[in-house]
C-alpha cells in the first residue's frame, strides 16, 4: 500500500498506521516545516519527502492507495478570523481535493477542526461525505475536538 500524506507535520499518520498494525510500502509526504520534517526523518527515515503541496503532481507518483491530510485550519477555526477559504492557508484544502482527483486513491481521510456548519458543508460537498466528530479525549489525555471526512468503511465500528 502506498500512502500520500499532505500537511504531514511530524507524521502522525505513520504513527497511527503503525499502532494499528497497518502495513504500507511507501509513505510519501508533503510538509514544509523544517522542524517537523526533521522529526519525521528521525523517526521514519524511509519517508519520502515531496515538499510543497502546491508543487506536487500525481504523474510523478506511483499509484496511491490512501490519501490523508488536514490542511491548515486558520480560516475555518472558531479561534480565527473566520475568513474561510479567503485565508490562503485554508485555501490549501483545494490541493487536497486536486490530489484526491489526480491520484484516485482507494481510501482518503481528511481531518480538520470543528467549524461553522457553513464551512463544514463546503468541505463535505467537495469530499462527497459528511464528517465524523471525534474528540481525542476518547483515546488520549488531550481534549481536541475534530472532524474527519473519510470513505474508509466501518470506521466507527
Foldseek 3Di string as FASTA:
>chain_A
DEEEEECQQLNVVVVVCVVVVNDDDAYEYEHADPVSVVNNCVVPVRHHYDYHLVPDACVVDDQHAEYEYEFDCQCFDPPHPVVQCVPVRNVCVVSSLVVCVRRVHNKYKYKDADGPVVSQVVSCVSLVFHWDWDACVVPDVHGGIMTMGMPDPPPVD
